[in-house]
Amino acid sequence: MHSTSQQYDSAISKCKDIFLKKMKDYGTAWRNLRPTSLTDQIFIKAQRVKSIEEKGTQKVQDDISGEYIGIINYCIIALIQLELTDDTRIDLPFDEVADLYTKYAVQTKQLMEDKNHDYGEAWRDMRLSSLTDLILMKVFRVKQIEDNKGHTIISEGVDANYMDMINYSVFALIKLAD
């Protein structure tokens, strides 16, 4: 059995590879997306997974792992957009975006390692459907924070929720690969 760290790196590497290939095809057109649009894209992907889980069948044969990869990549885009809020450039240099992707992947992995230390890798005993539900819960939290214009009283901000969604999605990819 591989270590969580190795499995995590493998999953993120696949996600980053897809992200960078799409960036070569499309550039950084996603810079036009507002935070609420990114949240809705994440919601659509997570909702599709839940729908397929509940129905036990699917009509569009796109692999479920692709939805989790999409969630990860949209969350990283959201984190990049948060950092570049005051940056009006639509077209960003490839290397700059690749570096930002790595920055947020590394930060998110560190969060996972810290939580895994405290929770003892409890995610390994969770059902895939629970990971999907947790992602959806985080999406609804982000929507509420967005509706509150970014203000929270006691709760984490949207960035922490995006990182949690990335980590739940990576766990799902690991479970699907096992």
C-alpha atoms as a PDB file:
ATOM      1  CA  MET A   1       0.000   0.000   0.000  1.00  0.00           C
ATOM      2  CA  HIS A   2       1.291   3.443  -0.898  1.00  0.00           C
ATOM      3  CA  SER A   3       1.492   6.217   1.643  1.00  0.00           C
ATOM      4  CA  THR A   4      -1.157   8.892   1.651  1.00  0.00           C
ATOM      5  CA  SER A   5       1.498  11.431   0.718  1.00  0.00           C
ATOM      6  CA  GLN A   6       2.504   9.465  -2.404  1.00  0.00           C
ATOM      7  CA  GLN A   7      -1.112   8.816  -3.391  1.00  0.00           C
ATOM      8  CA  TYR A   8      -1.930  12.484  -2.852  1.00  0.00           C
ATOM      9  CA  ASP A   9       0.982  13.632  -4.992  1.00  0.00           C
ATOM     10  CA  SER A  10      -0.013  11.218  -7.752  1.00  0.00           C
ATOM     11  CA  ALA A  11      -3.608  12.477  -7.783  1.00  0.00           C
ATOM     12  CA  ILE A  12      -2.573  16.145  -7.777  1.00  0.00           C
ATOM     13  CA  SER A  13      -0.009  15.499 -10.498  1.00  0.00           C
ATOM     14  CA  LYS A  14      -2.753  14.071 -12.725  1.00  0.00           C
ATOM     15  CA  CYS A  15      -5.010  17.048 -11.968  1.00  0.00           C
ATOM     16  CA  LYS A  16      -2.247  19.548 -12.680  1.00  0.00           C
ATOM     17  CA  ASP A  17      -1.349  17.797 -15.932  1.00  0.00           C
ATOM     18  CA  ILE A  18      -4.958  18.075 -17.133  1.00  0.00           C
ATOM     19  CA  PHE A  19      -5.179  21.686 -15.933  1.00  0.00           C
ATOM     20  CA  LEU A  20      -2.006  22.720 -17.766  1.00  0.00           C
ATOM     21  CA  LYS A  21      -3.004  20.931 -20.980  1.00  0.00           C
ATOM     22  CA  LYS A  22      -6.376  22.688 -20.918  1.00  0.00           C
ATOM     23  CA  MET A  23      -4.583  25.962 -20.285  1.00  0.00           C
ATOM     24  CA  LYS A  24      -2.546  25.394 -23.436  1.00  0.00           C
ATOM     25  CA  ASP A  25      -5.817  24.810 -25.321  1.00  0.00           C
ATOM     26  CA  TYR A  26      -7.890  27.601 -23.762  1.00  0.00           C
ATOM     27  CA  GLY A  27      -5.466  29.999 -22.129  1.00  0.00           C
ATOM     28  CA  THR A  28      -6.704  31.608 -18.939  1.00  0.00           C
ATOM     29  CA  ALA A  29     -10.247  32.266 -20.108  1.00  0.00           C
ATOM     30  CA  TRP A  30     -11.339  31.250 -16.585  1.00  0.00           C
ATOM     31  CA  ARG A  31     -10.095  34.663 -15.422  1.00  0.00           C
ATOM     32  CA  ASN A  32     -13.502  35.937 -16.577  1.00  0.00           C
ATOM     33  CA  LEU A  33     -15.306  33.759 -14.019  1.00  0.00           C
ATOM     34  CA  ARG A  34     -16.619  35.478 -10.932  1.00  0.00           C
ATOM     35  CA  PRO A  35     -16.283  33.656  -7.596  1.00  0.00           C
ATOM     36  CA  THR A  36     -19.970  32.736  -7.644  1.00  0.00           C
ATOM     37  CA  SER A  37     -19.589  31.147 -11.085  1.00  0.00           C
ATOM     38  CA  LEU A  38     -16.680  29.028  -9.866  1.00  0.00           C
ATOM     39  CA  THR A  39     -18.726  27.910  -6.871  1.00  0.00           C
ATOM     40  CA  ASP A  40     -21.569  26.943  -9.202  1.00  0.00           C
ATOM     41  CA  GLN A  41     -19.192  24.930 -11.412  1.00  0.00           C
ATOM     42  CA  ILE A  42     -17.976  23.020  -8.365  1.00  0.00           C
ATOM     43  CA  PHE A  43     -21.596  22.477  -7.302  1.00  0.00           C
ATOM     44  CA  ILE A  44     -22.556  21.084 -10.729  1.00  0.00           C
ATOM     45  CA  LYS A  45     -19.712  18.555 -10.634  1.00  0.00           C
ATOM     46  CA  ALA A  46     -20.407  17.419  -7.065  1.00  0.00           C
ATOM     47  CA  GLN A  47     -24.153  17.248  -7.704  1.00  0.00           C
ATOM     48  CA  ARG A  48     -23.587  15.031 -10.757  1.00  0.00           C
ATOM     49  CA  VAL A  49     -21.528  12.613  -8.661  1.00  0.00           C
ATOM     50  CA  LYS A  50     -24.224  12.507  -5.968  1.00  0.00           C
ATOM     51  CA  SER A  51     -26.946  11.964  -8.558  1.00  0.00           C
ATOM     52  CA  ILE A  52     -25.043   9.047 -10.111  1.00  0.00           C
ATOM     53  CA  GLU A  53     -24.323   7.587  -6.666  1.00  0.00           C
ATOM     54  CA  GLU A  54     -28.009   7.731  -5.760  1.00  0.00           C
ATOM     55  CA  LYS A  55     -29.321   6.431  -9.091  1.00  0.00           C
ATOM     56  CA  GLY A  56     -26.671   3.755  -9.401  1.00  0.00           C
ATOM     57  CA  THR A  57     -26.424   4.414 -13.125  1.00  0.00           C
ATOM     58  CA  GLN A  58     -25.396   7.136 -15.533  1.00  0.00           C
ATOM     59  CA  LYS A  59     -26.339   8.026 -19.092  1.00  0.00           C
ATOM     60  CA  VAL A  60     -23.320  10.209 -19.899  1.00  0.00           C
ATOM     61  CA  GLN A  61     -20.368   7.867 -19.609  1.00  0.00           C
ATOM     62  CA  ASP A  62     -17.824  10.437 -18.434  1.00  0.00           C
ATOM     63  CA  ASP A  63     -15.761   8.874 -15.672  1.00  0.00           C
ATOM     64  CA  ILE A  64     -16.664   9.975 -12.130  1.00  0.00           C
ATOM     65  CA  SER A  65     -12.995  10.553 -11.352  1.00  0.00           C
ATOM     66  CA  GLY A  66     -13.100  13.316 -13.963  1.00  0.00           C
ATOM     67  CA  GLU A  67     -15.673  15.156 -11.870  1.00  0.00           C
ATOM     68  CA  TYR A  68     -13.431  15.046  -8.808  1.00  0.00           C
ATOM     69  CA  ILE A  69     -10.516  16.253 -10.939  1.00  0.00           C
ATOM     70  CA  GLY A  70     -12.734  19.102 -12.136  1.00  0.00           C
ATOM     71  CA  ILE A  71     -13.636  19.996  -8.549  1.00  0.00           C
ATOM     72  CA  ILE A  72      -9.955  20.098  -7.604  1.00  0.00           C
ATOM     73  CA  ASN A  73      -9.034  22.248 -10.578  1.00  0.00           C
ATOM     74  CA  TYR A  74     -11.945  24.663 -10.128  1.00  0.00           C
ATOM     75  CA  CYS A  75     -11.048  25.012  -6.433  1.00  0.00           C
ATOM     76  CA  ILE A  76      -7.454  25.827  -7.328  1.00  0.00           C
ATOM     77  CA  ILE A  77      -8.695  28.336  -9.911  1.00  0.00           C
ATOM     78  CA  ALA A  78     -10.848  29.883  -7.166  1.00  0.00           C
ATOM     79  CA  LEU A  79      -7.842  30.148  -4.846  1.00  0.00           C
ATOM     80  CA  ILE A  80      -5.816  31.769  -7.640  1.00  0.00           C
ATOM     81  CA  GLN A  81      -8.675  34.170  -8.377  1.00  0.00           C
ATOM     82  CA  LEU A  82      -8.825  35.128  -4.679  1.00  0.00           C
ATOM     83  CA  GLU A  83      -5.130  35.982  -4.762  1.00  0.00           C
ATOM     84  CA  LEU A  84      -5.467  37.939  -8.007  1.00  0.00           C
ATOM     85  CA  THR A  85      -8.625  39.854  -7.061  1.00  0.00           C
ATOM     86  CA  ASP A  86      -7.061  43.219  -7.900  1.00  0.00           C
ATOM     87  CA  ASP A  87      -5.196  41.925 -10.953  1.00  0.00           C
ATOM     88  CA  THR A  88      -7.209  42.786 -14.075  1.00  0.00           C
ATOM     89  CA  ARG A  89      -5.190  40.676 -16.519  1.00  0.00           C
ATOM     90  CA  ILE A  90      -7.198  38.039 -18.358  1.00  0.00           C
ATOM     91  CA  ASP A  91      -4.234  36.427 -20.091  1.00  0.00           C
ATOM     92  CA  LEU A  92      -1.717  35.210 -17.566  1.00  0.00           C
ATOM     93  CA  PRO A  93       1.675  33.731 -18.435  1.00  0.00           C
ATOM     94  CA  PHE A  94       1.749  29.946 -18.409  1.00  0.00           C
ATOM     95  CA  ASP A  95       4.635  29.711 -15.931  1.00  0.00           C
ATOM     96  CA  GLU A  96       2.986  32.135 -13.499  1.00  0.00           C
ATOM     97  CA  VAL A  97      -0.200  30.075 -13.435  1.00  0.00           C
ATOM     98  CA  ALA A  98       1.729  26.806 -13.122  1.00  0.00           C
ATOM     99  CA  ASP A  99       3.583  28.256 -10.128  1.00  0.00           C
ATOM    100  CA  LEU A 100       0.327  29.452  -8.536  1.00  0.00           C
ATOM    101  CA  TYR A 101      -1.203  26.012  -9.064  1.00  0.00           C
ATOM    102  CA  THR A 102       1.764  24.421  -7.300  1.00  0.00           C
ATOM    103  CA  LYS A 103       1.617  26.977  -4.482  1.00  0.00           C
ATOM    104  CA  TYR A 104      -1.990  26.136  -3.661  1.00  0.00           C
ATOM    105  CA  ALA A 105      -1.522  22.396  -4.156  1.00  0.00           C
ATOM    106  CA  VAL A 106       1.358  22.467  -1.650  1.00  0.00           C
ATOM    107  CA  GLN A 107      -0.596  24.557   0.880  1.00  0.00           C
ATOM    108  CA  THR A 108      -3.598  22.270   0.565  1.00  0.00           C
ATOM    109  CA  LYS A 109      -1.491  19.130   0.977  1.00  0.00           C
ATOM    110  CA  GLN A 110       0.039  20.604   4.139  1.00  0.00           C
ATOM    111  CA  LEU A 111      -3.479  21.193   5.493  1.00  0.00           C
ATOM    112  CA  MET A 112      -4.334  17.565   4.675  1.00  0.00           C
ATOM    113  CA  GLU A 113      -1.216  16.295   6.446  1.00  0.00           C
ATOM    114  CA  ASP A 114      -1.983  18.381   9.534  1.00  0.00           C
ATOM    115  CA  LYS A 115      -5.571  17.142   9.663  1.00  0.00           C
ATOM    116  CA  ASN A 116      -4.543  13.549   8.938  1.00  0.00           C
ATOM    117  CA  HIS A 117      -2.193  13.749  11.914  1.00  0.00           C
ATOM    118  CA  ASP A 118      -5.037  14.840  14.179  1.00  0.00           C
ATOM    119  CA  TYR A 119      -7.780  12.616  12.716  1.00  0.00           C
ATOM    120  CA  GLY A 120      -5.674   9.529  12.088  1.00  0.00           C
ATOM    121  CA  GLU A 121      -6.632   9.175   8.415  1.00  0.00           C
ATOM    122  CA  ALA A 122     -10.287   8.621   9.292  1.00  0.00           C
ATOM    123  CA  TRP A 123     -11.151   9.366   5.653  1.00  0.00           C
ATOM    124  CA  ARG A 124      -9.881   5.918   4.672  1.00  0.00           C
ATOM    125  CA  ASP A 125     -12.834   4.361   6.518  1.00  0.00           C
ATOM    126  CA  MET A 126     -15.384   6.744   5.034  1.00  0.00           C
ATOM    127  CA  ARG A 127     -17.708   5.917   2.182  1.00  0.00           C
ATOM    128  CA  LEU A 128     -17.175   7.645  -1.153  1.00  0.00           C
ATOM    129  CA  SER A 129     -20.723   9.019  -0.880  1.00  0.00           C
ATOM    130  CA  SER A 130     -19.802  10.732   2.401  1.00  0.00           C
ATOM    131  CA  LEU A 131     -16.896  12.505   0.718  1.00  0.00           C
ATOM    132  CA  THR A 132     -19.295  13.687  -1.988  1.00  0.00           C
ATOM    133  CA  ASP A 133     -21.744  14.941   0.646  1.00  0.00           C
ATOM    134  CA  LEU A 134     -18.966  16.790   2.477  1.00  0.00           C
ATOM    135  CA  ILE A 135     -17.947  18.498  -0.757  1.00  0.00           C
ATOM    136  CA  LEU A 136     -21.541  19.586  -1.339  1.00  0.00           C
ATOM    137  CA  MET A 137     -21.812  20.853   2.235  1.00  0.00           C
ATOM    138  CA  LYS A 138     -18.663  22.931   1.699  1.00  0.00           C
ATOM    139  CA  VAL A 139     -20.103  24.284  -1.572  1.00  0.00           C
ATOM    140  CA  PHE A 140     -23.236  25.407   0.253  1.00  0.00           C
ATOM    141  CA  ARG A 141     -21.094  27.024   2.943  1.00  0.00           C
ATOM    142  CA  VAL A 142     -19.156  28.935   0.293  1.00  0.00           C
ATOM    143  CA  LYS A 143     -22.419  30.029  -1.348  1.00  0.00           C
ATOM    144  CA  GLN A 144     -23.648  31.350   2.007  1.00  0.00           C
ATOM    145  CA  ILE A 145     -20.389  33.203   2.622  1.00  0.00           C
ATOM    146  CA  GLU A 146     -20.613  34.672  -0.894  1.00  0.00           C
ATOM    147  CA  ASP A 147     -24.212  35.731  -0.213  1.00  0.00           C
ATOM    148  CA  ASN A 148     -22.931  37.390   2.973  1.00  0.00           C
ATOM    149  CA  LYS A 149     -20.401  39.350   0.879  1.00  0.00           C
ATOM    150  CA  GLY A 150     -17.510  37.355   2.316  1.00  0.00           C
ATOM    151  CA  HIS A 151     -18.272  38.121   5.952  1.00  0.00           C
ATOM    152  CA  THR A 152     -18.283  35.423   8.591  1.00  0.00           C
ATOM    153  CA  ILE A 153     -18.771  35.739  12.325  1.00  0.00           C
ATOM    154  CA  ILE A 154     -16.886  32.685  13.546  1.00  0.00           C
ATOM    155  CA  SER A 155     -16.379  30.453  10.536  1.00  0.00           C
ATOM    156  CA  GLU A 156     -13.475  29.836   8.181  1.00  0.00           C
ATOM    157  CA  GLY A 157     -13.349  31.805   4.963  1.00  0.00           C
ATOM    158  CA  VAL A 158     -13.928  30.535   1.455  1.00  0.00           C
ATOM    159  CA  ASP A 159     -10.262  29.669   0.974  1.00  0.00           C
ATOM    160  CA  ALA A 160     -10.344  27.065   3.760  1.00  0.00           C
ATOM    161  CA  ASN A 161     -13.516  25.585   2.289  1.00  0.00           C
ATOM    162  CA  TYR A 162     -11.915  25.334  -1.163  1.00  0.00           C
ATOM    163  CA  MET A 163      -8.932  23.565   0.361  1.00  0.00           C
ATOM    164  CA  ASP A 164     -11.196  21.119   2.180  1.00  0.00           C
ATOM    165  CA  MET A 165     -13.042  20.388  -1.080  1.00  0.00           C
ATOM    166  CA  ILE A 166      -9.712  19.722  -2.786  1.00  0.00           C
ATOM    167  CA  ASN A 167      -8.694  17.327  -0.048  1.00  0.00           C
ATOM    168  CA  TYR A 168     -12.028  15.463  -0.047  1.00  0.00           C
ATOM    169  CA  SER A 169     -11.765  15.170  -3.830  1.00  0.00           C
ATOM    170  CA  VAL A 170      -8.207  13.829  -3.644  1.00  0.00           C
ATOM    171  CA  PHE A 171      -9.390  11.274  -1.081  1.00  0.00           C
ATOM    172  CA  ALA A 172     -12.171  10.269  -3.480  1.00  0.00           C
ATOM    173  CA  LEU A 173      -9.659   9.840  -6.311  1.00  0.00           C
ATOM    174  CA  ILE A 174      -7.486   7.672  -4.067  1.00  0.00           C
ATOM    175  CA  LYS A 175     -10.482   5.538  -3.084  1.00  0.00           C
ATOM    176  CA  LEU A 176     -11.549   5.162  -6.722  1.00  0.00           C
ATOM    177  CA  ALA A 177      -8.030   4.052  -7.677  1.00  0.00           C
ATOM    178  CA  ASP A 178      -7.757   1.455  -4.879  1.00  0.00           C
END
